[in-house]
């Protein structure tokens, strides 16, 4: 007789950085991480990008307990790593802190879920880095550079 499959609960998070967008899906598991169908080491060749992706999970010590599936597009490697980091932090916050939890009032004792939420927020993983490439202006070579000026 076939065994009944248990329903896996997924939590989603979206991250953005420069012109990159990452959709992150996490579930409890063994620590597999797939980015566009490839593992972390083959997708990101530089250590800074790998550290950016793993940052939120290492902060909460969840890197061996979660399966992460990421779809990302747009931008370059650095922007995609930042987008994945923000999306992962958002998904972890949704997973660990129920949406109905209200923020702490003055003098209220800190619970475990509010401590996790504060830890993620203070680390800066939930903050979107708004720096974008400046657009090219008309009458100029680029965003700021002008053509050489000649008086005569």
N, C-alpha and C. Protein backbone atom coordinates (compact mmCIF):
# COMPACT_ATOMS: atom_id res chain seq x y z
N UNK A 1 0.85 -1.18 0.00
CA UNK A 1 0.00 0.00 0.00
C UNK A 1 0.89 1.24 0.00
N UNK A 2 0.54 2.23 -0.77
CA UNK A 2 1.35 3.45 -0.89
C UNK A 2 1.18 4.32 0.35
N UNK A 3 2.27 4.95 0.71
CA UNK A 3 2.23 5.85 1.87
C UNK A 3 1.63 7.19 1.45
N UNK A 4 0.91 7.79 2.36
CA UNK A 4 0.31 9.10 2.09
C UNK A 4 1.41 10.16 2.20
N UNK A 5 1.44 11.07 1.21
CA UNK A 5 2.44 12.14 1.24
C UNK A 5 2.01 13.21 2.22
N UNK A 6 2.97 13.70 2.99
CA UNK A 6 2.67 14.80 3.89
C UNK A 6 2.76 16.10 3.11
N UNK A 7 1.88 17.02 3.43
CA UNK A 7 1.85 18.30 2.73
C UNK A 7 2.97 19.19 3.25
N UNK A 8 3.78 19.68 2.33
CA UNK A 8 4.90 20.54 2.68
C UNK A 8 4.41 21.98 2.69
N UNK A 9 4.77 22.71 3.74
CA UNK A 9 4.36 24.10 3.85
C UNK A 9 5.48 25.00 3.33
N UNK A 10 5.15 25.85 2.36
CA UNK A 10 6.12 26.75 1.76
C UNK A 10 5.87 28.18 2.24
N UNK A 11 6.95 28.93 2.32
CA UNK A 11 6.88 30.35 2.65
C UNK A 11 7.64 31.11 1.57
N UNK A 12 7.01 32.20 1.09
CA UNK A 12 7.56 32.93 -0.04
C UNK A 12 8.08 34.29 0.40
N UNK A 13 9.11 34.76 -0.31
CA UNK A 13 9.63 36.10 -0.10
C UNK A 13 10.16 36.65 -1.41
N UNK A 14 9.99 37.94 -1.63
CA UNK A 14 10.48 38.59 -2.84
C UNK A 14 11.53 39.60 -2.46
N UNK A 15 12.64 39.56 -3.18
CA UNK A 15 13.72 40.51 -2.93
C UNK A 15 14.07 41.27 -4.20
N UNK A 16 14.49 42.52 -4.03
CA UNK A 16 14.89 43.34 -5.17
C UNK A 16 16.18 44.08 -4.84
N UNK A 17 17.04 44.20 -5.87
CA UNK A 17 18.29 44.96 -5.73
C UNK A 17 18.71 45.39 -7.12
N UNK A 18 18.98 46.68 -7.29
CA UNK A 18 19.29 47.25 -8.61
C UNK A 18 18.17 46.86 -9.57
N UNK A 19 18.47 46.15 -10.64
CA UNK A 19 17.40 45.73 -11.56
C UNK A 19 17.14 44.23 -11.45
N UNK A 20 17.56 43.62 -10.35
CA UNK A 20 17.37 42.18 -10.14
C UNK A 20 16.15 41.93 -9.26
N UNK A 21 15.46 40.85 -9.55
CA UNK A 21 14.31 40.42 -8.75
C UNK A 21 14.50 38.94 -8.44
N UNK A 22 14.25 38.57 -7.18
CA UNK A 22 14.39 37.16 -6.77
C UNK A 22 13.11 36.73 -6.05
N UNK A 23 12.56 35.59 -6.48
CA UNK A 23 11.44 34.97 -5.79
C UNK A 23 11.99 33.77 -5.03
N UNK A 24 11.85 33.80 -3.70
CA UNK A 24 12.44 32.78 -2.83
C UNK A 24 11.33 31.96 -2.18
N UNK A 25 11.47 30.63 -2.25
CA UNK A 25 10.52 29.72 -1.62
C UNK A 25 11.29 28.85 -0.63
N UNK A 26 10.89 28.86 0.64
CA UNK A 26 11.58 28.04 1.64
C UNK A 26 10.61 27.05 2.26
N UNK A 27 11.16 25.92 2.70
CA UNK A 27 10.40 24.91 3.42
C UNK A 27 11.37 24.17 4.33
N UNK A 28 10.84 23.50 5.33
CA UNK A 28 11.71 22.72 6.20
C UNK A 28 12.27 21.56 5.41
N UNK A 29 13.54 21.25 5.65
CA UNK A 29 14.18 20.19 4.88
C UNK A 29 15.59 19.90 5.35
N UNK A 30 16.45 19.59 4.40
CA UNK A 30 17.80 19.12 4.72
C UNK A 30 18.90 20.14 4.42
N UNK A 31 18.58 21.29 3.89
CA UNK A 31 19.60 22.29 3.61
C UNK A 31 19.95 22.44 2.15
N UNK A 32 19.09 21.98 1.24
CA UNK A 32 19.35 22.14 -0.19
C UNK A 32 19.05 23.57 -0.60
N UNK A 33 19.90 24.12 -1.47
CA UNK A 33 19.71 25.48 -1.96
C UNK A 33 19.86 25.45 -3.48
N UNK A 34 18.80 25.78 -4.20
CA UNK A 34 18.82 25.78 -5.66
C UNK A 34 18.48 27.17 -6.18
N UNK A 35 19.35 27.69 -7.04
CA UNK A 35 19.13 29.00 -7.65
C UNK A 35 19.01 28.77 -9.15
N UNK A 36 17.85 29.05 -9.70
CA UNK A 36 17.55 28.81 -11.12
C UNK A 36 17.94 27.39 -11.54
N UNK A 37 17.69 26.42 -10.67
CA UNK A 37 17.97 25.03 -10.98
C UNK A 37 19.40 24.60 -10.75
N UNK A 38 20.27 25.49 -10.31
CA UNK A 38 21.68 25.15 -10.05
C UNK A 38 21.99 25.37 -8.58
N UNK A 39 23.03 24.71 -8.06
CA UNK A 39 23.38 24.89 -6.66
C UNK A 39 24.18 26.19 -6.48
N UNK A 40 24.36 26.57 -5.22
CA UNK A 40 24.97 27.86 -4.87
C UNK A 40 26.39 28.00 -5.41
N UNK A 41 27.20 26.94 -5.31
CA UNK A 41 28.61 27.02 -5.71
C UNK A 41 28.78 27.20 -7.21
N UNK A 42 27.89 26.62 -8.01
CA UNK A 42 28.02 26.78 -9.46
C UNK A 42 27.38 28.06 -9.96
N UNK A 43 26.38 28.58 -9.26
CA UNK A 43 25.72 29.80 -9.72
C UNK A 43 26.55 31.04 -9.38
N UNK A 44 27.02 31.13 -8.12
CA UNK A 44 27.84 32.27 -7.70
C UNK A 44 29.28 31.81 -7.54
N UNK A 45 30.19 32.43 -8.29
CA UNK A 45 31.59 32.02 -8.24
C UNK A 45 32.37 32.78 -7.18
N UNK A 46 31.91 33.95 -6.78
CA UNK A 46 32.64 34.76 -5.79
C UNK A 46 32.09 34.52 -4.39
N UNK A 47 33.02 34.59 -3.41
CA UNK A 47 32.65 34.34 -2.02
C UNK A 47 31.72 35.41 -1.47
N UNK A 48 31.90 36.66 -1.89
CA UNK A 48 31.05 37.74 -1.35
C UNK A 48 29.59 37.52 -1.73
N UNK A 49 29.35 36.99 -2.93
CA UNK A 49 27.98 36.73 -3.35
C UNK A 49 27.39 35.55 -2.59
N UNK A 50 28.20 34.50 -2.38
CA UNK A 50 27.73 33.35 -1.59
C UNK A 50 27.42 33.75 -0.15
N UNK A 51 28.28 34.60 0.44
CA UNK A 51 28.07 35.06 1.81
C UNK A 51 26.81 35.92 1.91
N UNK A 52 26.55 36.73 0.88
CA UNK A 52 25.34 37.56 0.89
C UNK A 52 24.09 36.68 0.86
N UNK A 53 24.13 35.62 0.07
CA UNK A 53 22.97 34.73 -0.03
C UNK A 53 22.76 33.97 1.28
N UNK A 54 23.83 33.48 1.88
CA UNK A 54 23.72 32.67 3.09
C UNK A 54 23.56 33.50 4.36
N UNK A 55 23.73 34.80 4.28
CA UNK A 55 23.70 35.67 5.46
C UNK A 55 22.48 35.51 6.36
N UNK A 56 21.25 35.63 5.83
CA UNK A 56 20.08 35.52 6.71
C UNK A 56 19.94 34.15 7.38
N UNK A 57 20.32 33.08 6.66
CA UNK A 57 20.20 31.74 7.25
C UNK A 57 21.27 31.52 8.32
N UNK A 58 22.49 32.04 8.08
CA UNK A 58 23.55 31.90 9.09
C UNK A 58 23.24 32.73 10.33
N UNK A 59 22.59 33.88 10.14
CA UNK A 59 22.23 34.74 11.27
C UNK A 59 21.30 34.01 12.24
N UNK A 60 20.34 33.26 11.68
CA UNK A 60 19.37 32.54 12.51
C UNK A 60 19.74 31.07 12.70
N UNK A 61 20.90 30.65 12.18
CA UNK A 61 21.39 29.28 12.29
C UNK A 61 20.37 28.28 11.74
N UNK A 62 19.90 28.57 10.50
CA UNK A 62 18.89 27.73 9.87
C UNK A 62 19.41 27.09 8.58
N UNK A 63 20.72 27.17 8.29
CA UNK A 63 21.25 26.75 7.00
C UNK A 63 21.17 25.24 6.76
N UNK A 64 21.06 24.42 7.79
CA UNK A 64 20.95 22.97 7.60
C UNK A 64 19.52 22.46 7.80
N UNK A 65 18.57 23.36 8.07
CA UNK A 65 17.22 22.93 8.37
C UNK A 65 16.19 23.37 7.34
N UNK A 66 16.64 24.09 6.30
CA UNK A 66 15.70 24.62 5.31
C UNK A 66 16.09 24.21 3.90
N UNK A 67 15.10 23.96 3.08
CA UNK A 67 15.30 23.82 1.64
C UNK A 67 14.89 25.14 1.00
N UNK A 68 15.76 25.66 0.14
CA UNK A 68 15.53 26.96 -0.48
C UNK A 68 15.52 26.79 -1.99
N UNK A 69 14.49 27.31 -2.62
CA UNK A 69 14.39 27.30 -4.08
C UNK A 69 14.21 28.74 -4.54
N UNK A 70 15.10 29.20 -5.45
CA UNK A 70 15.12 30.60 -5.86
C UNK A 70 14.97 30.70 -7.37
N UNK A 71 14.11 31.61 -7.83
CA UNK A 71 14.05 32.03 -9.23
C UNK A 71 14.45 33.49 -9.26
N UNK A 72 15.49 33.80 -10.02
CA UNK A 72 15.96 35.17 -10.09
C UNK A 72 16.24 35.55 -11.53
N UNK A 73 16.05 36.82 -11.84
CA UNK A 73 16.34 37.32 -13.17
C UNK A 73 16.67 38.81 -13.09
N UNK A 74 17.34 39.29 -14.13
CA UNK A 74 17.68 40.71 -14.21
C UNK A 74 18.98 41.02 -13.51
N UNK A 75 19.64 42.06 -13.99
CA UNK A 75 20.85 42.54 -13.34
C UNK A 75 22.02 41.60 -13.47
N UNK A 76 23.00 41.77 -12.60
CA UNK A 76 24.20 40.95 -12.61
C UNK A 76 24.27 40.08 -11.38
N UNK A 77 25.42 39.49 -11.17
CA UNK A 77 25.59 38.55 -10.05
C UNK A 77 25.44 39.24 -8.70
N UNK A 78 26.05 40.41 -8.53
CA UNK A 78 25.99 41.10 -7.25
C UNK A 78 24.57 41.54 -6.92
N UNK A 79 23.86 42.07 -7.90
CA UNK A 79 22.48 42.47 -7.67
C UNK A 79 21.58 41.29 -7.37
N UNK A 80 21.80 40.18 -8.05
CA UNK A 80 20.99 38.99 -7.79
C UNK A 80 21.26 38.43 -6.39
N UNK A 81 22.51 38.48 -5.95
CA UNK A 81 22.84 38.01 -4.60
C UNK A 81 22.14 38.87 -3.55
N UNK A 82 22.13 40.18 -3.75
CA UNK A 82 21.44 41.07 -2.81
C UNK A 82 19.94 40.85 -2.81
N UNK A 83 19.37 40.60 -3.99
CA UNK A 83 17.94 40.34 -4.09
C UNK A 83 17.57 39.03 -3.40
N UNK A 84 18.38 38.01 -3.58
CA UNK A 84 18.13 36.71 -2.94
C UNK A 84 18.22 36.86 -1.42
N UNK A 85 19.19 37.64 -0.95
CA UNK A 85 19.36 37.85 0.48
C UNK A 85 18.12 38.51 1.09
N UNK A 86 17.59 39.54 0.42
CA UNK A 86 16.40 40.21 0.94
C UNK A 86 15.18 39.30 0.87
N UNK A 87 15.02 38.57 -0.22
CA UNK A 87 13.89 37.66 -0.34
C UNK A 87 13.93 36.54 0.69
N UNK A 88 15.12 36.03 0.96
CA UNK A 88 15.28 34.98 1.96
C UNK A 88 14.96 35.50 3.36
N UNK A 89 15.41 36.71 3.66
CA UNK A 89 15.11 37.31 4.96
C UNK A 89 13.61 37.53 5.13
N UNK A 90 12.94 37.97 4.07
CA UNK A 90 11.49 38.17 4.15
C UNK A 90 10.76 36.85 4.34
N UNK A 91 11.19 35.81 3.64
CA UNK A 91 10.55 34.50 3.78
C UNK A 91 10.79 33.93 5.18
N UNK A 92 11.99 34.11 5.72
CA UNK A 92 12.28 33.63 7.08
C UNK A 92 11.43 34.37 8.11
N UNK A 93 11.25 35.67 7.90
CA UNK A 93 10.44 36.43 8.84
C UNK A 93 8.99 35.95 8.82
N UNK A 94 8.46 35.69 7.61
CA UNK A 94 7.09 35.19 7.51
C UNK A 94 6.97 33.80 8.14
N UNK A 95 8.01 32.98 7.95
CA UNK A 95 7.98 31.62 8.49
C UNK A 95 8.07 31.61 10.01
N UNK A 96 8.94 32.43 10.59
CA UNK A 96 9.19 32.38 12.02
C UNK A 96 8.32 33.31 12.84
N UNK A 97 7.85 34.39 12.22
CA UNK A 97 7.01 35.35 12.94
C UNK A 97 5.64 35.35 12.29
N UNK A 98 4.61 34.88 12.96
CA UNK A 98 3.27 34.85 12.35
C UNK A 98 2.81 36.25 11.98
N UNK A 99 2.05 36.39 10.88
CA UNK A 99 1.63 37.71 10.42
C UNK A 99 0.78 38.48 11.42
N UNK A 100 0.10 37.81 12.34
CA UNK A 100 -0.75 38.48 13.30
C UNK A 100 -0.02 39.11 14.47
N UNK A 101 1.28 38.81 14.64
CA UNK A 101 2.03 39.38 15.76
C UNK A 101 2.15 40.89 15.62
N UNK A 102 1.85 41.59 16.73
CA UNK A 102 1.97 43.04 16.69
C UNK A 102 3.32 43.45 17.27
N UNK A 103 3.83 44.64 16.92
CA UNK A 103 5.11 45.08 17.48
C UNK A 103 5.01 45.33 18.98
N UNK A 104 6.15 45.28 19.63
CA UNK A 104 6.18 45.45 21.08
C UNK A 104 5.87 46.89 21.48
N UNK A 105 5.11 47.04 22.58
CA UNK A 105 4.85 48.35 23.16
C UNK A 105 5.97 48.66 24.16
N UNK A 106 6.00 49.89 24.64
CA UNK A 106 7.02 50.29 25.61
C UNK A 106 6.91 49.46 26.89
N UNK A 107 8.02 48.91 27.33
CA UNK A 107 8.08 48.17 28.57
C UNK A 107 7.52 46.76 28.51
N UNK A 108 7.06 46.33 27.35
CA UNK A 108 6.52 44.98 27.20
C UNK A 108 7.67 43.98 27.09
N UNK A 109 7.59 42.83 27.78
CA UNK A 109 8.68 41.86 27.70
C UNK A 109 8.82 41.28 26.30
N UNK A 110 10.05 41.00 25.91
CA UNK A 110 10.34 40.50 24.57
C UNK A 110 10.08 39.00 24.49
N UNK A 111 9.30 38.58 23.50
CA UNK A 111 9.05 37.16 23.28
C UNK A 111 10.07 36.63 22.28
N UNK A 112 10.04 35.32 22.06
CA UNK A 112 11.00 34.71 21.14
C UNK A 112 10.79 35.17 19.71
N UNK A 113 9.52 35.25 19.29
CA UNK A 113 9.25 35.68 17.91
C UNK A 113 9.62 37.13 17.69
N UNK A 114 9.38 37.99 18.67
CA UNK A 114 9.74 39.40 18.49
C UNK A 114 11.26 39.57 18.51
N UNK A 115 11.97 38.71 19.26
CA UNK A 115 13.43 38.77 19.27
C UNK A 115 13.99 38.37 17.91
N UNK A 116 13.40 37.35 17.27
CA UNK A 116 13.83 36.93 15.94
C UNK A 116 13.57 38.03 14.92
N UNK A 117 12.38 38.63 15.00
CA UNK A 117 12.02 39.70 14.08
C UNK A 117 12.97 40.89 14.22
N UNK A 118 13.30 41.24 15.45
CA UNK A 118 14.22 42.35 15.71
C UNK A 118 15.63 42.03 15.22
N UNK A 119 16.04 40.78 15.39
CA UNK A 119 17.37 40.36 14.95
C UNK A 119 17.50 40.47 13.43
N UNK A 120 16.48 40.03 12.68
CA UNK A 120 16.50 40.12 11.22
C UNK A 120 16.49 41.58 10.78
N UNK A 121 15.63 42.39 11.42
CA UNK A 121 15.50 43.79 11.04
C UNK A 121 16.78 44.57 11.31
N UNK A 122 17.39 44.35 12.49
CA UNK A 122 18.60 45.09 12.86
C UNK A 122 19.82 44.68 12.04
N UNK A 123 19.80 43.49 11.48
CA UNK A 123 20.94 43.03 10.68
C UNK A 123 20.99 43.73 9.32
N UNK A 124 19.87 44.32 8.87
CA UNK A 124 19.84 45.04 7.61
C UNK A 124 19.45 44.20 6.42
N UNK A 125 19.07 42.95 6.63
CA UNK A 125 18.71 42.08 5.51
C UNK A 125 17.34 42.42 4.93
N UNK A 126 16.46 43.05 5.71
CA UNK A 126 15.13 43.39 5.22
C UNK A 126 15.10 44.73 4.50
N UNK A 127 16.16 45.51 4.62
CA UNK A 127 16.20 46.84 4.01
C UNK A 127 16.61 46.73 2.55
N UNK A 128 15.84 47.38 1.68
CA UNK A 128 16.15 47.36 0.25
C UNK A 128 17.16 48.44 -0.03
N UNK A 129 18.21 48.07 -0.76
CA UNK A 129 19.23 49.03 -1.17
C UNK A 129 18.72 49.71 -2.44
N UNK A 130 18.38 50.97 -2.34
CA UNK A 130 17.72 51.68 -3.43
C UNK A 130 18.64 52.24 -4.48
N UNK A 131 19.95 51.99 -4.39
CA UNK A 131 20.86 52.55 -5.38
C UNK A 131 20.65 51.89 -6.73
N UNK A 132 20.44 52.72 -7.74
CA UNK A 132 20.21 52.23 -9.09
C UNK A 132 21.17 52.97 -10.02
N UNK A 133 21.32 52.44 -11.23
CA UNK A 133 22.13 53.10 -12.23
C UNK A 133 21.40 54.36 -12.69
N UNK A 134 22.14 55.46 -12.74
CA UNK A 134 21.55 56.73 -13.16
C UNK A 134 21.35 56.74 -14.67
N UNK A 135 20.26 57.28 -15.12
CA UNK A 135 19.94 57.26 -16.54
C UNK A 135 20.78 58.25 -17.33
N UNK A 136 20.95 57.96 -18.61
CA UNK A 136 21.67 58.85 -19.51
C UNK A 136 20.78 60.04 -19.84
N UNK A 137 21.39 61.25 -19.82
CA UNK A 137 20.65 62.46 -20.16
C UNK A 137 20.93 62.85 -21.61
N UNK A 138 19.97 63.54 -22.21
CA UNK A 138 20.16 64.00 -23.59
C UNK A 138 21.22 65.10 -23.61
N UNK A 139 21.95 65.17 -24.73
CA UNK A 139 22.99 66.19 -24.87
C UNK A 139 24.27 65.84 -24.12
N UNK A 140 24.34 64.64 -23.57
CA UNK A 140 25.52 64.22 -22.82
C UNK A 140 25.95 62.84 -23.29
N UNK A 141 27.19 62.48 -22.91
CA UNK A 141 27.72 61.16 -23.28
C UNK A 141 27.12 60.05 -22.42
N UNK A 142 26.89 60.36 -21.18
CA UNK A 142 26.35 59.37 -20.25
C UNK A 142 25.45 60.06 -19.25
N UNK A 143 25.46 59.57 -18.00
CA UNK A 143 24.62 60.17 -16.98
C UNK A 143 25.12 61.57 -16.61
N UNK A 144 26.45 61.74 -16.52
CA UNK A 144 27.01 63.03 -16.10
C UNK A 144 28.06 63.57 -17.05
N UNK A 145 28.76 62.68 -17.74
CA UNK A 145 29.87 63.11 -18.59
C UNK A 145 29.34 63.88 -19.81
N UNK A 146 30.00 65.01 -20.12
CA UNK A 146 29.60 65.83 -21.26
C UNK A 146 30.63 65.70 -22.36
N UNK A 147 30.26 66.18 -23.54
CA UNK A 147 31.21 66.29 -24.62
C UNK A 147 32.17 67.42 -24.32
N UNK A 148 33.35 67.37 -24.91
CA UNK A 148 34.36 68.40 -24.66
C UNK A 148 33.86 69.74 -25.17
N UNK A 149 34.00 70.75 -24.32
CA UNK A 149 33.50 72.09 -24.66
C UNK A 149 34.60 72.85 -25.40
N UNK A 150 34.24 73.49 -26.50
CA UNK A 150 35.18 74.30 -27.26
C UNK A 150 34.63 75.71 -27.36
N UNK A 151 35.44 76.69 -26.92
CA UNK A 151 34.98 78.07 -26.94
C UNK A 151 34.99 78.61 -28.36
N UNK A 152 35.99 78.22 -29.14
CA UNK A 152 36.11 78.71 -30.53
C UNK A 152 36.14 77.55 -31.49
